[in-house]
Amino acid sequence: MIIINSFFTCICWIPLVVAYPLETVTTKQRSIYFAITLLTINVTAFVTSYLTPVGIADIGWRYYMPTAVWNAIMVIIIYFTFIETKGLTLEEIATLFDGDEDFVNSAIAVSHDMGLKRGEFVVHDEVAAPNIACEKQV
């Protein structure tokens, strides 16, 4: 069971530990969150590497009971807090994490850049979408 658990942990959980926190924050926050994520991973690995042999030597198989409880707690946390993104486009995922306003602003910026690349003039238009900087091609 330990080998099976380790196999599925390595192919499923480990990539998500790094990727998921970084995808849930804005681009400006990613460096800080990446540092916090790596610090947490390294501290956990250090503690686990040095405590596991001592725990197994002292209490034997019962050492795995706290791990089982921790895994159950993590399943509950993941079930109620992680957002389902299966089958969604990147734009829809961005809307889930950043909100509709950020998506509209991103779309406007992309359309503005596309218009400039085609040599078209772009004029600022605040009437098209109130409270959101909007661009309209002329």
C-alpha atoms as a PDB file:
ATOM      1  CA  MET A   1       0.000   0.000   0.000  1.00  0.00           C
ATOM      2  CA  ILE A   2       2.874   2.369   0.721  1.00  0.00           C
ATOM      3  CA  ILE A   3       4.290   1.827  -2.774  1.00  0.00           C
ATOM      4  CA  ILE A   4       0.874   2.328  -4.429  1.00  0.00           C
ATOM      5  CA  ASN A   5       0.287   5.474  -2.357  1.00  0.00           C
ATOM      6  CA  SER A   6       3.721   6.834  -3.291  1.00  0.00           C
ATOM      7  CA  PHE A   7       3.122   6.144  -6.993  1.00  0.00           C
ATOM      8  CA  PHE A   8      -0.173   8.062  -7.110  1.00  0.00           C
ATOM      9  CA  THR A   9       1.211  10.830  -4.927  1.00  0.00           C
ATOM     10  CA  CYS A  10       4.110  11.330  -7.342  1.00  0.00           C
ATOM     11  CA  ILE A  11       1.975  11.465 -10.498  1.00  0.00           C
ATOM     12  CA  CYS A  12      -0.980  13.420  -9.089  1.00  0.00           C
ATOM     13  CA  TRP A  13      -0.315  15.410  -5.960  1.00  0.00           C
ATOM     14  CA  ILE A  14       3.272  16.615  -6.362  1.00  0.00           C
ATOM     15  CA  PRO A  15       2.701  18.535  -9.631  1.00  0.00           C
ATOM     16  CA  LEU A  16      -0.426  20.145  -8.159  1.00  0.00           C
ATOM     17  CA  VAL A  17       1.419  21.290  -5.034  1.00  0.00           C
ATOM     18  CA  VAL A  18       3.466  23.641  -7.188  1.00  0.00           C
ATOM     19  CA  ALA A  19       1.057  24.436 -10.027  1.00  0.00           C
ATOM     20  CA  TYR A  20      -2.228  25.048  -8.209  1.00  0.00           C
ATOM     21  CA  PRO A  21      -1.132  27.845  -5.814  1.00  0.00           C
ATOM     22  CA  LEU A  22       0.561  29.670  -8.680  1.00  0.00           C
ATOM     23  CA  GLU A  23      -2.541  29.501 -10.871  1.00  0.00           C
ATOM     24  CA  THR A  24      -4.819  30.864  -8.161  1.00  0.00           C
ATOM     25  CA  VAL A  25      -3.009  34.193  -7.766  1.00  0.00           C
ATOM     26  CA  THR A  26      -2.352  37.119 -10.045  1.00  0.00           C
ATOM     27  CA  THR A  27       0.819  37.386 -12.086  1.00  0.00           C
ATOM     28  CA  LYS A  28       2.265  39.987  -9.706  1.00  0.00           C
ATOM     29  CA  GLN A  29       1.812  37.653  -6.720  1.00  0.00           C
ATOM     30  CA  ARG A  30       3.277  34.538  -8.332  1.00  0.00           C
ATOM     31  CA  SER A  31       6.890  35.100  -7.279  1.00  0.00           C
ATOM     32  CA  ILE A  32       5.932  35.495  -3.620  1.00  0.00           C
ATOM     33  CA  TYR A  33       3.593  32.494  -3.716  1.00  0.00           C
ATOM     34  CA  PHE A  34       6.216  30.406  -5.506  1.00  0.00           C
ATOM     35  CA  ALA A  35       8.738  31.222  -2.776  1.00  0.00           C
ATOM     36  CA  ILE A  36       6.215  30.343  -0.035  1.00  0.00           C
ATOM     37  CA  THR A  37       5.277  27.113  -1.812  1.00  0.00           C
ATOM     38  CA  LEU A  38       8.893  25.988  -2.223  1.00  0.00           C
ATOM     39  CA  LEU A  39       9.726  26.934   1.376  1.00  0.00           C
ATOM     40  CA  THR A  40       6.780  24.879   2.609  1.00  0.00           C
ATOM     41  CA  ILE A  41       7.758  21.901   0.434  1.00  0.00           C
ATOM     42  CA  ASN A  42      11.373  21.986   1.614  1.00  0.00           C
ATOM     43  CA  VAL A  43      10.508  22.367   5.313  1.00  0.00           C
ATOM     44  CA  THR A  44       8.012  19.523   5.070  1.00  0.00           C
ATOM     45  CA  ALA A  45      10.512  17.297   3.251  1.00  0.00           C
ATOM     46  CA  PHE A  46      13.190  18.061   5.838  1.00  0.00           C
ATOM     47  CA  VAL A  47      10.930  17.302   8.804  1.00  0.00           C
ATOM     48  CA  THR A  48       9.535  14.157   7.176  1.00  0.00           C
ATOM     49  CA  SER A  49      12.991  12.866   6.225  1.00  0.00           C
ATOM     50  CA  TYR A  50      14.359  13.209   9.734  1.00  0.00           C
ATOM     51  CA  LEU A  51      11.255  12.347  11.798  1.00  0.00           C
ATOM     52  CA  THR A  52       9.984   9.309   9.902  1.00  0.00           C
ATOM     53  CA  PRO A  53      12.859   6.952  10.884  1.00  0.00           C
ATOM     54  CA  VAL A  54      12.587   8.029  14.529  1.00  0.00           C
ATOM     55  CA  GLY A  55       8.794   7.634  14.545  1.00  0.00           C
ATOM     56  CA  ILE A  56       8.878   4.193  12.944  1.00  0.00           C
ATOM     57  CA  ALA A  57      11.598   3.049  15.340  1.00  0.00           C
ATOM     58  CA  ASP A  58       9.633   4.245  18.394  1.00  0.00           C
ATOM     59  CA  ILE A  59       6.002   3.336  17.602  1.00  0.00           C
ATOM     60  CA  GLY A  60       6.246   1.108  14.528  1.00  0.00           C
ATOM     61  CA  TRP A  61       3.255   0.878  12.181  1.00  0.00           C
ATOM     62  CA  ARG A  62       1.193   3.274  14.346  1.00  0.00           C
ATOM     63  CA  TYR A  63       3.382   6.069  12.984  1.00  0.00           C
ATOM     64  CA  TYR A  64       1.268   5.956   9.793  1.00  0.00           C
ATOM     65  CA  MET A  65      -1.972   6.771  11.649  1.00  0.00           C
ATOM     66  CA  PRO A  66      -1.328  10.559  11.782  1.00  0.00           C
ATOM     67  CA  THR A  67      -0.524  10.399   8.059  1.00  0.00           C
ATOM     68  CA  ALA A  68      -3.867   8.714   7.364  1.00  0.00           C
ATOM     69  CA  VAL A  69      -5.691  11.349   9.433  1.00  0.00           C
ATOM     70  CA  TRP A  70      -3.806  14.138   7.647  1.00  0.00           C
ATOM     71  CA  ASN A  71      -4.712  12.657   4.247  1.00  0.00           C
ATOM     72  CA  ALA A  72      -8.398  12.554   5.244  1.00  0.00           C
ATOM     73  CA  ILE A  73      -8.245  16.206   6.333  1.00  0.00           C
ATOM     74  CA  MET A  74      -6.584  17.165   3.023  1.00  0.00           C
ATOM     75  CA  VAL A  75      -9.270  15.343   1.001  1.00  0.00           C
ATOM     76  CA  ILE A  76     -11.962  17.337   2.813  1.00  0.00           C
ATOM     77  CA  ILE A  77     -10.109  20.634   2.287  1.00  0.00           C
ATOM     78  CA  ILE A  78      -9.537  19.914  -1.401  1.00  0.00           C
ATOM     79  CA  TYR A  79     -13.126  18.838  -1.977  1.00  0.00           C
ATOM     80  CA  PHE A  80     -14.585  22.015  -0.486  1.00  0.00           C
ATOM     81  CA  THR A  81     -12.023  24.623  -1.564  1.00  0.00           C
ATOM     82  CA  PHE A  82     -10.398  23.657  -4.892  1.00  0.00           C
ATOM     83  CA  ILE A  83     -12.203  24.978  -7.958  1.00  0.00           C
ATOM     84  CA  GLU A  84     -13.107  22.428 -10.659  1.00  0.00           C
ATOM     85  CA  THR A  85     -11.467  23.372 -13.950  1.00  0.00           C
ATOM     86  CA  LYS A  86     -12.003  20.185 -15.957  1.00  0.00           C
ATOM     87  CA  GLY A  87     -13.248  20.849 -19.494  1.00  0.00           C
ATOM     88  CA  LEU A  88     -12.926  24.643 -19.286  1.00  0.00           C
ATOM     89  CA  THR A  89     -10.945  26.859 -21.623  1.00  0.00           C
ATOM     90  CA  LEU A  90      -8.108  29.006 -20.299  1.00  0.00           C
ATOM     91  CA  GLU A  91     -10.320  32.069 -20.601  1.00  0.00           C
ATOM     92  CA  GLU A  92     -13.056  30.462 -18.507  1.00  0.00           C
ATOM     93  CA  ILE A  93     -10.517  29.398 -15.891  1.00  0.00           C
ATOM     94  CA  ALA A  94      -9.153  32.954 -15.780  1.00  0.00           C
ATOM     95  CA  THR A  95     -12.692  34.204 -15.183  1.00  0.00           C
ATOM     96  CA  LEU A  96     -13.134  31.746 -12.303  1.00  0.00           C
ATOM     97  CA  PHE A  97      -9.951  32.866 -10.563  1.00  0.00           C
ATOM     98  CA  ASP A  98      -9.710  36.540 -11.535  1.00  0.00           C
ATOM     99  CA  GLY A  99     -13.325  37.558 -12.113  1.00  0.00           C
ATOM    100  CA  ASP A 100     -15.159  38.912 -15.134  1.00  0.00           C
ATOM    101  CA  GLU A 101     -13.617  42.380 -15.014  1.00  0.00           C
ATOM    102  CA  ASP A 102     -10.037  41.112 -15.354  1.00  0.00           C
ATOM    103  CA  PHE A 103     -11.098  38.886 -18.249  1.00  0.00           C
ATOM    104  CA  VAL A 104     -12.695  41.834 -20.072  1.00  0.00           C
ATOM    105  CA  ASN A 105      -9.601  43.974 -19.479  1.00  0.00           C
ATOM    106  CA  SER A 106      -7.366  41.186 -20.830  1.00  0.00           C
ATOM    107  CA  ALA A 107      -9.561  40.761 -23.901  1.00  0.00           C
ATOM    108  CA  ILE A 108      -9.460  44.510 -24.555  1.00  0.00           C
ATOM    109  CA  ALA A 109      -5.672  44.571 -24.244  1.00  0.00           C
ATOM    110  CA  VAL A 110      -5.295  41.660 -26.657  1.00  0.00           C
ATOM    111  CA  SER A 111      -7.675  43.200 -29.196  1.00  0.00           C
ATOM    112  CA  HIS A 112      -5.819  46.498 -28.879  1.00  0.00           C
ATOM    113  CA  ASP A 113      -2.489  44.788 -29.616  1.00  0.00           C
ATOM    114  CA  MET A 114      -3.999  42.855 -32.526  1.00  0.00           C
ATOM    115  CA  GLY A 115      -5.332  46.101 -34.017  1.00  0.00           C
ATOM    116  CA  LEU A 116      -1.946  47.787 -33.735  1.00  0.00           C
ATOM    117  CA  LYS A 117      -0.202  44.839 -35.380  1.00  0.00           C
ATOM    118  CA  ARG A 118      -2.584  45.111 -38.349  1.00  0.00           C
ATOM    119  CA  GLY A 119      -1.857  48.827 -38.661  1.00  0.00           C
ATOM    120  CA  GLU A 120      -5.329  49.926 -37.552  1.00  0.00           C
ATOM    121  CA  PHE A 121      -5.915  52.969 -35.403  1.00  0.00           C
ATOM    122  CA  VAL A 122      -7.415  52.359 -31.970  1.00  0.00           C
ATOM    123  CA  VAL A 123      -9.488  54.988 -30.166  1.00  0.00           C
ATOM    124  CA  HIS A 124     -10.350  54.964 -26.461  1.00  0.00           C
ATOM    125  CA  ASP A 125     -14.100  54.548 -25.863  1.00  0.00           C
ATOM    126  CA  GLU A 126     -15.494  54.724 -22.313  1.00  0.00           C
ATOM    127  CA  VAL A 127     -19.119  54.536 -23.439  1.00  0.00           C
ATOM    128  CA  ALA A 128     -18.845  50.916 -24.663  1.00  0.00           C
ATOM    129  CA  ALA A 129     -18.246  49.521 -21.169  1.00  0.00           C
ATOM    130  CA  PRO A 130     -18.654  51.814 -18.169  1.00  0.00           C
ATOM    131  CA  ASN A 131     -16.017  51.492 -15.435  1.00  0.00           C
ATOM    132  CA  ILE A 132     -13.792  49.456 -17.764  1.00  0.00           C
ATOM    133  CA  ALA A 133     -11.195  50.932 -20.083  1.00  0.00           C
ATOM    134  CA  CYS A 134     -12.413  49.889 -23.507  1.00  0.00           C
ATOM    135  CA  GLU A 135     -10.851  50.187 -26.935  1.00  0.00           C
ATOM    136  CA  LYS A 136     -12.726  50.469 -30.224  1.00  0.00           C
ATOM    137  CA  GLN A 137     -11.110  50.078 -33.628  1.00  0.00           C
ATOM    138  CA  VAL A 138     -11.722  52.832 -36.170  1.00  0.00           C
END
